């Protein structure tokens, strides 16, 4: 059996889980950890500083598995999600496999818009080498297509 590369890209039976949610009301403000959040189509997450920008970065997501990789590269036991300033931590699904796809978190529908690269703040947060520890592990950005609630424990699945 020979699958084409496109067939392989389109085969994503895994269902992920929302593990952590956070918003940042303004630039440089600390993240606020939430049990649930309202995702507003074309806007962003209620209370988040990007919520009115209507751009490609309405939501940022990172894989929980990558938190362990970043911690390991920094010689730490673990990394708290809020230090990376991403909105949603998910597990059990490869976020890069969502490229060119629409996906559902809770009752909200999102679409992949790009990679979420680290910024120089990672150096200040983690010390020397922080930026490079996050490179390749920064997660993705997404746009909200359909409004809905996202809660800890919700499924993350391709639609």
N, C-alpha and C. Protein backbone atom coordinates (compact mmCIF):
# COMPACT_ATOMS: atom_id res chain seq x y z
N UNK A 1 0.84 -1.18 0.00
CA UNK A 1 0.00 0.00 0.00
C UNK A 1 0.89 1.24 0.00
N UNK A 2 0.65 2.12 -0.93
CA UNK A 2 1.45 3.32 -1.05
C UNK A 2 0.56 4.55 -0.89
N UNK A 3 0.75 5.25 0.22
CA UNK A 3 -0.01 6.47 0.45
C UNK A 3 0.75 7.65 -0.13
N UNK A 4 0.00 8.56 -0.75
CA UNK A 4 0.64 9.77 -1.23
C UNK A 4 0.95 10.66 -0.02
N UNK A 5 1.84 11.60 -0.22
CA UNK A 5 2.18 12.52 0.86
C UNK A 5 0.93 13.28 1.32
N UNK A 6 0.08 13.67 0.38
CA UNK A 6 -1.15 14.38 0.75
C UNK A 6 -2.07 13.49 1.58
N UNK A 7 -2.15 12.21 1.23
CA UNK A 7 -2.95 11.27 2.04
C UNK A 7 -2.40 11.20 3.47
N UNK A 8 -1.10 11.18 3.59
CA UNK A 8 -0.49 11.13 4.92
C UNK A 8 -0.79 12.41 5.70
N UNK A 9 -0.70 13.57 5.04
CA UNK A 9 -1.02 14.84 5.69
C UNK A 9 -2.47 14.86 6.17
N UNK A 10 -3.36 14.25 5.41
CA UNK A 10 -4.79 14.29 5.72
C UNK A 10 -5.24 13.24 6.72
N UNK A 11 -4.35 12.33 7.11
CA UNK A 11 -4.71 11.28 8.06
C UNK A 11 -4.32 11.73 9.46
N UNK A 12 -5.31 12.21 10.21
CA UNK A 12 -5.06 12.69 11.57
C UNK A 12 -6.21 12.25 12.48
N UNK A 13 -6.21 10.96 12.84
CA UNK A 13 -7.30 10.44 13.67
C UNK A 13 -7.18 10.82 15.16
N UNK A 14 -6.02 11.32 15.57
CA UNK A 14 -5.82 11.64 16.97
C UNK A 14 -6.75 12.77 17.41
N UNK A 15 -7.19 12.68 18.65
CA UNK A 15 -7.99 13.74 19.26
C UNK A 15 -7.19 14.24 20.46
N UNK A 16 -6.94 15.54 20.48
CA UNK A 16 -6.19 16.11 21.58
C UNK A 16 -7.09 16.57 22.71
N UNK A 17 -6.49 17.13 23.75
CA UNK A 17 -7.22 17.64 24.90
C UNK A 17 -6.68 19.02 25.28
N UNK A 18 -7.59 19.91 25.65
CA UNK A 18 -7.20 21.22 26.18
C UNK A 18 -6.74 21.00 27.62
N UNK A 19 -5.52 21.41 27.94
CA UNK A 19 -4.93 21.19 29.26
C UNK A 19 -4.81 22.46 30.09
N UNK A 20 -4.72 23.62 29.43
CA UNK A 20 -4.51 24.88 30.15
C UNK A 20 -5.01 26.01 29.26
N UNK A 21 -5.59 27.04 29.88
CA UNK A 21 -6.08 28.21 29.15
C UNK A 21 -5.61 29.45 29.89
N UNK A 22 -5.14 30.44 29.14
CA UNK A 22 -4.74 31.70 29.75
C UNK A 22 -4.93 32.87 28.79
N UNK A 23 -5.18 34.03 29.34
CA UNK A 23 -5.29 35.26 28.55
C UNK A 23 -4.37 36.31 29.15
N UNK A 24 -4.06 37.29 28.35
CA UNK A 24 -3.25 38.42 28.80
C UNK A 24 -4.00 39.69 28.42
N UNK A 25 -4.52 40.44 29.40
CA UNK A 25 -5.35 41.60 29.08
C UNK A 25 -4.60 42.75 28.40
N UNK A 26 -3.31 42.83 28.62
CA UNK A 26 -2.53 43.89 27.97
C UNK A 26 -1.09 43.46 27.83
N UNK A 27 -0.37 44.16 26.99
CA UNK A 27 1.03 43.85 26.73
C UNK A 27 1.83 43.87 28.03
N UNK A 28 2.68 42.87 28.19
CA UNK A 28 3.56 42.71 29.35
C UNK A 28 2.82 42.40 30.66
N UNK A 29 1.50 42.28 30.62
CA UNK A 29 0.75 41.90 31.82
C UNK A 29 0.93 40.40 32.05
N UNK A 30 0.83 39.96 33.30
CA UNK A 30 0.92 38.51 33.54
C UNK A 30 -0.29 37.79 32.96
N UNK A 31 -0.09 36.53 32.62
CA UNK A 31 -1.19 35.71 32.11
C UNK A 31 -2.18 35.45 33.24
N UNK A 32 -3.45 35.37 32.87
CA UNK A 32 -4.51 35.01 33.81
C UNK A 32 -4.99 33.62 33.43
N UNK A 33 -4.83 32.67 34.33
CA UNK A 33 -5.22 31.28 34.10
C UNK A 33 -6.73 31.16 34.25
N UNK A 34 -7.37 30.45 33.30
CA UNK A 34 -8.82 30.30 33.29
C UNK A 34 -9.21 28.82 33.18
N UNK A 35 -10.42 28.52 33.63
CA UNK A 35 -10.98 27.18 33.45
C UNK A 35 -11.71 27.09 32.11
N UNK A 36 -12.18 28.23 31.61
CA UNK A 36 -12.85 28.28 30.31
C UNK A 36 -12.74 29.69 29.76
N UNK A 37 -12.98 29.82 28.45
CA UNK A 37 -12.91 31.13 27.81
C UNK A 37 -13.86 31.14 26.62
N UNK A 38 -14.40 32.29 26.32
CA UNK A 38 -15.25 32.44 25.14
C UNK A 38 -14.39 32.87 23.96
N UNK A 39 -14.48 32.12 22.87
CA UNK A 39 -13.76 32.44 21.64
C UNK A 39 -14.76 33.16 20.72
N UNK A 40 -14.41 34.34 20.28
CA UNK A 40 -15.30 35.16 19.44
C UNK A 40 -14.80 35.16 18.00
N UNK A 41 -15.64 34.71 17.08
CA UNK A 41 -15.26 34.62 15.67
C UNK A 41 -14.76 35.96 15.15
N UNK A 42 -13.62 35.90 14.45
CA UNK A 42 -13.04 37.09 13.85
C UNK A 42 -12.41 38.05 14.83
N UNK A 43 -12.41 37.73 16.10
CA UNK A 43 -11.88 38.64 17.13
C UNK A 43 -10.75 38.00 17.93
N UNK A 44 -11.11 37.03 18.77
CA UNK A 44 -10.13 36.41 19.65
C UNK A 44 -10.80 35.91 20.91
N UNK A 45 -10.01 35.72 21.95
CA UNK A 45 -10.51 35.23 23.22
C UNK A 45 -10.95 36.40 24.09
N UNK A 46 -12.12 36.29 24.69
CA UNK A 46 -12.64 37.34 25.55
C UNK A 46 -11.62 37.69 26.63
N UNK A 47 -11.29 38.97 26.73
CA UNK A 47 -10.35 39.44 27.75
C UNK A 47 -8.90 39.45 27.33
N UNK A 48 -8.57 38.85 26.19
CA UNK A 48 -7.19 38.80 25.75
C UNK A 48 -6.83 40.05 24.95
N UNK A 49 -5.60 40.46 25.02
CA UNK A 49 -5.18 41.70 24.34
C UNK A 49 -5.29 41.64 22.83
N UNK A 50 -5.32 40.46 22.24
CA UNK A 50 -5.46 40.33 20.80
C UNK A 50 -6.92 40.23 20.36
N UNK A 51 -7.86 40.34 21.29
CA UNK A 51 -9.27 40.06 21.01
C UNK A 51 -9.93 41.02 20.02
N UNK A 52 -9.34 42.15 19.71
CA UNK A 52 -9.99 43.06 18.77
C UNK A 52 -9.15 43.31 17.53
N UNK A 53 -8.10 42.58 17.37
CA UNK A 53 -7.16 42.83 16.27
C UNK A 53 -7.61 42.27 14.92
N UNK A 54 -8.47 41.24 14.90
CA UNK A 54 -8.96 40.60 13.68
C UNK A 54 -7.83 40.21 12.73
N UNK A 55 -6.77 39.67 13.28
CA UNK A 55 -5.64 39.23 12.47
C UNK A 55 -5.48 37.73 12.49
N UNK A 56 -4.29 37.28 12.14
CA UNK A 56 -3.99 35.86 12.08
C UNK A 56 -3.63 35.28 13.44
N UNK A 57 -3.39 36.13 14.42
CA UNK A 57 -2.93 35.67 15.74
C UNK A 57 -4.01 35.88 16.79
N UNK A 58 -5.22 35.44 16.52
CA UNK A 58 -6.31 35.60 17.48
C UNK A 58 -6.17 34.66 18.67
N UNK A 59 -5.53 33.50 18.45
CA UNK A 59 -5.30 32.52 19.51
C UNK A 59 -3.92 31.90 19.28
N UNK A 60 -3.20 31.67 20.36
CA UNK A 60 -1.93 30.95 20.26
C UNK A 60 -2.06 29.64 21.03
N UNK A 61 -1.53 28.57 20.43
CA UNK A 61 -1.61 27.25 21.04
C UNK A 61 -0.22 26.63 21.08
N UNK A 62 0.02 25.82 22.09
CA UNK A 62 1.28 25.10 22.22
C UNK A 62 0.98 23.69 22.72
N UNK A 63 1.79 22.76 22.29
CA UNK A 63 1.64 21.37 22.73
C UNK A 63 2.22 21.21 24.12
N UNK A 64 1.48 20.56 24.99
CA UNK A 64 1.98 20.28 26.33
C UNK A 64 3.25 19.47 26.31
N UNK A 65 3.35 18.56 25.33
CA UNK A 65 4.55 17.74 25.21
C UNK A 65 5.79 18.59 24.97
N UNK A 66 5.62 19.74 24.34
CA UNK A 66 6.76 20.62 24.07
C UNK A 66 7.23 21.36 25.31
N UNK A 67 6.36 21.49 26.30
CA UNK A 67 6.79 22.12 27.55
C UNK A 67 7.89 21.29 28.20
N UNK A 68 7.77 19.96 28.09
CA UNK A 68 8.80 19.07 28.63
C UNK A 68 10.11 19.21 27.86
N UNK A 69 10.00 19.34 26.54
CA UNK A 69 11.21 19.51 25.71
C UNK A 69 11.92 20.81 26.06
N UNK A 70 11.16 21.89 26.18
CA UNK A 70 11.76 23.19 26.52
C UNK A 70 12.41 23.12 27.90
N UNK A 71 11.71 22.53 28.85
CA UNK A 71 12.27 22.39 30.20
C UNK A 71 13.58 21.61 30.16
N UNK A 72 13.59 20.53 29.40
CA UNK A 72 14.79 19.71 29.30
C UNK A 72 15.95 20.50 28.71
N UNK A 73 15.67 21.27 27.66
CA UNK A 73 16.73 22.08 27.03
C UNK A 73 17.27 23.15 27.97
N UNK A 74 16.45 23.57 28.92
CA UNK A 74 16.87 24.59 29.89
C UNK A 74 17.42 23.97 31.18
N UNK A 75 17.43 22.63 31.24
CA UNK A 75 17.92 21.96 32.44
C UNK A 75 16.98 22.10 33.62
N UNK A 76 15.68 22.19 33.34
CA UNK A 76 14.68 22.34 34.40
C UNK A 76 13.78 21.11 34.45
N UNK A 77 13.12 20.94 35.58
CA UNK A 77 12.16 19.83 35.73
C UNK A 77 10.90 20.09 34.91
N UNK A 78 10.41 21.34 34.95
CA UNK A 78 9.19 21.68 34.20
C UNK A 78 9.16 23.17 33.91
N UNK A 79 8.21 23.55 33.07
CA UNK A 79 7.99 24.95 32.70
C UNK A 79 6.51 25.22 32.89
N UNK A 80 6.18 26.28 33.58
CA UNK A 80 4.77 26.68 33.74
C UNK A 80 4.30 27.29 32.42
N UNK A 81 3.12 26.89 31.93
CA UNK A 81 2.63 27.37 30.63
C UNK A 81 2.56 28.90 30.50
N UNK A 82 2.22 29.58 31.59
CA UNK A 82 2.07 31.04 31.50
C UNK A 82 3.38 31.75 31.16
N UNK A 83 4.51 31.11 31.41
CA UNK A 83 5.79 31.72 31.09
C UNK A 83 5.99 31.85 29.57
N UNK A 84 5.34 31.00 28.80
CA UNK A 84 5.47 31.04 27.34
C UNK A 84 4.45 31.97 26.69
N UNK A 85 3.50 32.45 27.45
CA UNK A 85 2.53 33.45 27.00
C UNK A 85 1.67 32.96 25.83
N UNK A 86 1.39 31.67 25.78
CA UNK A 86 0.46 31.13 24.79
C UNK A 86 -0.90 31.02 25.46
N UNK A 87 -1.97 31.08 24.67
CA UNK A 87 -3.31 31.05 25.23
C UNK A 87 -3.77 29.66 25.66
N UNK A 88 -3.43 28.66 24.87
CA UNK A 88 -3.99 27.33 25.12
C UNK A 88 -2.90 26.27 24.99
N UNK A 89 -2.83 25.40 26.00
CA UNK A 89 -1.94 24.24 25.95
C UNK A 89 -2.82 23.03 25.64
N UNK A 90 -2.40 22.26 24.64
CA UNK A 90 -3.11 21.03 24.28
C UNK A 90 -2.14 19.86 24.37
N UNK A 91 -2.69 18.66 24.47
CA UNK A 91 -1.84 17.47 24.45
C UNK A 91 -2.46 16.44 23.52
N UNK A 92 -1.66 15.48 23.14
CA UNK A 92 -2.08 14.28 22.39
C UNK A 92 -2.46 14.53 20.94
N UNK A 93 -2.10 15.68 20.39
CA UNK A 93 -2.29 15.94 18.96
C UNK A 93 -1.13 16.82 18.50
N UNK A 94 -0.61 16.54 17.34
CA UNK A 94 0.50 17.32 16.79
C UNK A 94 -0.06 18.59 16.16
N UNK A 95 0.21 19.73 16.77
CA UNK A 95 -0.34 20.99 16.26
C UNK A 95 0.14 21.31 14.85
N UNK A 96 1.34 20.89 14.48
CA UNK A 96 1.83 21.16 13.13
C UNK A 96 1.01 20.40 12.08
N UNK A 97 0.39 19.31 12.48
CA UNK A 97 -0.45 18.54 11.56
C UNK A 97 -1.76 19.26 11.26
N UNK A 98 -2.04 20.36 11.97
CA UNK A 98 -3.27 21.13 11.73
C UNK A 98 -3.09 22.17 10.62
N UNK A 99 -1.90 22.26 10.06
CA UNK A 99 -1.65 23.21 8.98
C UNK A 99 -2.65 23.00 7.84
N UNK A 100 -3.23 24.11 7.36
CA UNK A 100 -4.23 24.10 6.29
C UNK A 100 -5.52 23.39 6.67
N UNK A 101 -5.77 23.28 7.97
CA UNK A 101 -6.98 22.59 8.43
C UNK A 101 -7.80 23.47 9.37
N UNK A 102 -9.08 23.13 9.46
CA UNK A 102 -9.97 23.71 10.46
C UNK A 102 -10.08 22.69 11.57
N UNK A 103 -10.15 23.19 12.80
CA UNK A 103 -10.22 22.27 13.93
C UNK A 103 -11.11 22.86 15.01
N UNK A 104 -11.61 21.96 15.85
CA UNK A 104 -12.55 22.35 16.88
C UNK A 104 -11.94 22.18 18.26
N UNK A 105 -12.14 23.19 19.08
CA UNK A 105 -11.79 23.14 20.50
C UNK A 105 -13.08 23.47 21.23
N UNK A 106 -13.61 22.54 22.00
CA UNK A 106 -14.90 22.77 22.63
C UNK A 106 -15.92 23.02 21.55
N UNK A 107 -16.68 24.12 21.67
CA UNK A 107 -17.68 24.44 20.65
C UNK A 107 -17.20 25.49 19.65
N UNK A 108 -15.93 25.90 19.75
CA UNK A 108 -15.35 26.89 18.83
C UNK A 108 -14.63 26.19 17.67
N UNK A 109 -14.66 26.84 16.50
CA UNK A 109 -13.94 26.33 15.33
C UNK A 109 -12.84 27.33 14.97
N UNK A 110 -11.62 26.81 14.80
CA UNK A 110 -10.46 27.64 14.47
C UNK A 110 -9.81 27.13 13.21
N UNK A 111 -8.92 27.97 12.64
CA UNK A 111 -8.08 27.51 11.54
C UNK A 111 -6.65 27.93 11.81
N UNK A 112 -5.75 27.04 11.45
CA UNK A 112 -4.31 27.25 11.58
C UNK A 112 -3.92 28.45 10.70
N UNK A 113 -3.14 29.37 11.25
CA UNK A 113 -2.68 30.51 10.45
C UNK A 113 -1.16 30.62 10.39
N UNK A 114 -0.44 29.90 11.23
CA UNK A 114 1.02 29.97 11.16
C UNK A 114 1.70 29.45 12.40
N UNK A 115 3.02 29.53 12.36
CA UNK A 115 3.82 29.14 13.51
C UNK A 115 3.91 30.30 14.50
N UNK A 116 4.04 29.97 15.76
CA UNK A 116 4.18 30.99 16.81
C UNK A 116 5.64 30.94 17.28
N UNK A 117 6.44 31.79 16.71
CA UNK A 117 7.86 31.81 17.01
C UNK A 117 8.13 32.50 18.34
N UNK A 118 9.22 32.13 19.01
CA UNK A 118 9.56 32.82 20.26
C UNK A 118 10.03 34.25 19.98
N UNK A 119 9.99 35.06 21.01
CA UNK A 119 10.50 36.42 20.90
C UNK A 119 11.63 36.60 21.91
N UNK A 120 12.23 37.76 21.90
CA UNK A 120 13.37 38.02 22.79
C UNK A 120 12.98 37.96 24.26
N UNK A 121 11.68 38.05 24.57
CA UNK A 121 11.25 37.96 25.97
C UNK A 121 11.59 36.60 26.58
N UNK A 122 11.76 35.58 25.74
CA UNK A 122 12.11 34.25 26.26
C UNK A 122 13.49 34.27 26.91
N UNK A 123 14.35 35.12 26.41
CA UNK A 123 15.70 35.26 26.98
C UNK A 123 15.59 35.89 28.37
N UNK A 124 14.74 36.89 28.51
CA UNK A 124 14.53 37.53 29.81
C UNK A 124 13.83 36.58 30.78
N UNK A 125 12.90 35.80 30.27
CA UNK A 125 12.13 34.89 31.12
C UNK A 125 12.96 33.72 31.61
N UNK A 126 13.72 33.10 30.71
CA UNK A 126 14.43 31.86 31.05
C UNK A 126 15.94 32.02 31.21
N UNK A 127 16.47 33.20 30.89
CA UNK A 127 17.91 33.40 30.96
C UNK A 127 18.57 33.08 29.63
N UNK A 128 19.88 33.15 29.63
CA UNK A 128 20.64 32.90 28.41
C UNK A 128 20.26 31.56 27.81
N UNK A 129 19.95 31.58 26.51
CA UNK A 129 19.57 30.36 25.80
C UNK A 129 18.07 30.11 25.79
N UNK A 130 17.30 30.94 26.47
CA UNK A 130 15.84 30.77 26.52
C UNK A 130 15.20 30.85 25.15
N UNK A 131 15.64 31.80 24.35
CA UNK A 131 15.09 31.95 22.99
C UNK A 131 15.32 30.67 22.18
N UNK A 132 16.54 30.17 22.20
CA UNK A 132 16.86 28.97 21.42
C UNK A 132 16.20 27.72 21.97
N UNK A 133 15.94 27.66 23.26
CA UNK A 133 15.25 26.50 23.83
C UNK A 133 13.81 26.42 23.32
N UNK A 134 13.19 27.57 23.04
CA UNK A 134 11.80 27.59 22.59
C UNK A 134 11.70 27.44 21.07
N UNK A 135 12.77 27.74 20.34
CA UNK A 135 12.74 27.61 18.88
C UNK A 135 12.31 26.21 18.46
N UNK A 136 11.34 26.17 17.55
CA UNK A 136 10.82 24.89 17.08
C UNK A 136 9.77 24.28 18.00
N UNK A 137 9.54 24.90 19.14
CA UNK A 137 8.58 24.39 20.12
C UNK A 137 7.55 25.45 20.51
N UNK A 138 7.48 26.55 19.77
CA UNK A 138 6.65 27.69 20.16
C UNK A 138 5.17 27.55 19.89
N UNK A 139 4.76 26.54 19.14
CA UNK A 139 3.34 26.34 18.90
C UNK A 139 2.85 26.99 17.62
N UNK A 140 1.55 27.25 17.57
CA UNK A 140 0.93 27.80 16.37
C UNK A 140 0.02 28.97 16.71
N UNK A 141 -0.32 29.72 15.67
CA UNK A 141 -1.33 30.76 15.79
C UNK A 141 -2.57 30.30 15.03
N UNK A 142 -3.72 30.83 15.43
CA UNK A 142 -4.97 30.43 14.80
C UNK A 142 -5.95 31.60 14.78
N UNK A 143 -6.88 31.51 13.84
CA UNK A 143 -7.98 32.46 13.69
C UNK A 143 -9.26 31.73 14.10
N UNK A 144 -10.18 32.46 14.75
CA UNK A 144 -11.44 31.86 15.18
C UNK A 144 -12.48 32.05 14.08
N UNK A 145 -13.01 30.94 13.57
CA UNK A 145 -14.00 30.97 12.50
C UNK A 145 -15.42 30.97 13.04
N UNK A 146 -15.66 30.21 14.11
CA UNK A 146 -16.99 30.13 14.72
C UNK A 146 -16.85 30.29 16.22
N UNK A 147 -17.63 31.17 16.80
CA UNK A 147 -17.58 31.43 18.24
C UNK A 147 -17.99 30.20 19.04
N UNK A 148 -17.49 30.13 20.26
CA UNK A 148 -17.87 29.05 21.16
C UNK A 148 -17.04 29.09 22.42
N UNK A 149 -17.41 28.24 23.36
CA UNK A 149 -16.70 28.16 24.63
C UNK A 149 -15.63 27.07 24.54
N UNK A 150 -14.47 27.36 25.12
CA UNK A 150 -13.37 26.40 25.21
C UNK A 150 -13.09 26.18 26.69
N UNK A 151 -13.10 24.92 27.12
CA UNK A 151 -12.90 24.58 28.53
C UNK A 151 -11.74 23.59 28.68
N UNK A 152 -11.13 23.61 29.86
CA UNK A 152 -10.13 22.60 30.19
C UNK A 152 -10.78 21.23 30.02
N UNK A 153 -10.08 20.31 29.36
CA UNK A 153 -10.60 18.97 29.14
C UNK A 153 -11.34 18.78 27.83
N UNK A 154 -11.63 19.90 27.12
CA UNK A 154 -12.32 19.79 25.83
C UNK A 154 -11.45 19.06 24.82
N UNK A 155 -12.10 18.42 23.86
CA UNK A 155 -11.39 17.77 22.76
C UNK A 155 -10.85 18.80 21.78
N UNK A 156 -9.76 18.43 21.12
CA UNK A 156 -9.19 19.19 20.02
C UNK A 156 -9.17 18.22 18.84
N UNK A 157 -9.96 18.51 17.80
CA UNK A 157 -10.05 17.57 16.69
C UNK A 157 -10.22 18.29 15.36
N UNK A 158 -9.71 17.66 14.33
CA UNK A 158 -9.84 18.18 12.97
C UNK A 158 -11.30 17.99 12.53
N UNK A 159 -11.80 18.99 11.80
CA UNK A 159 -13.17 18.85 11.26
C UNK A 159 -13.14 18.98 9.74
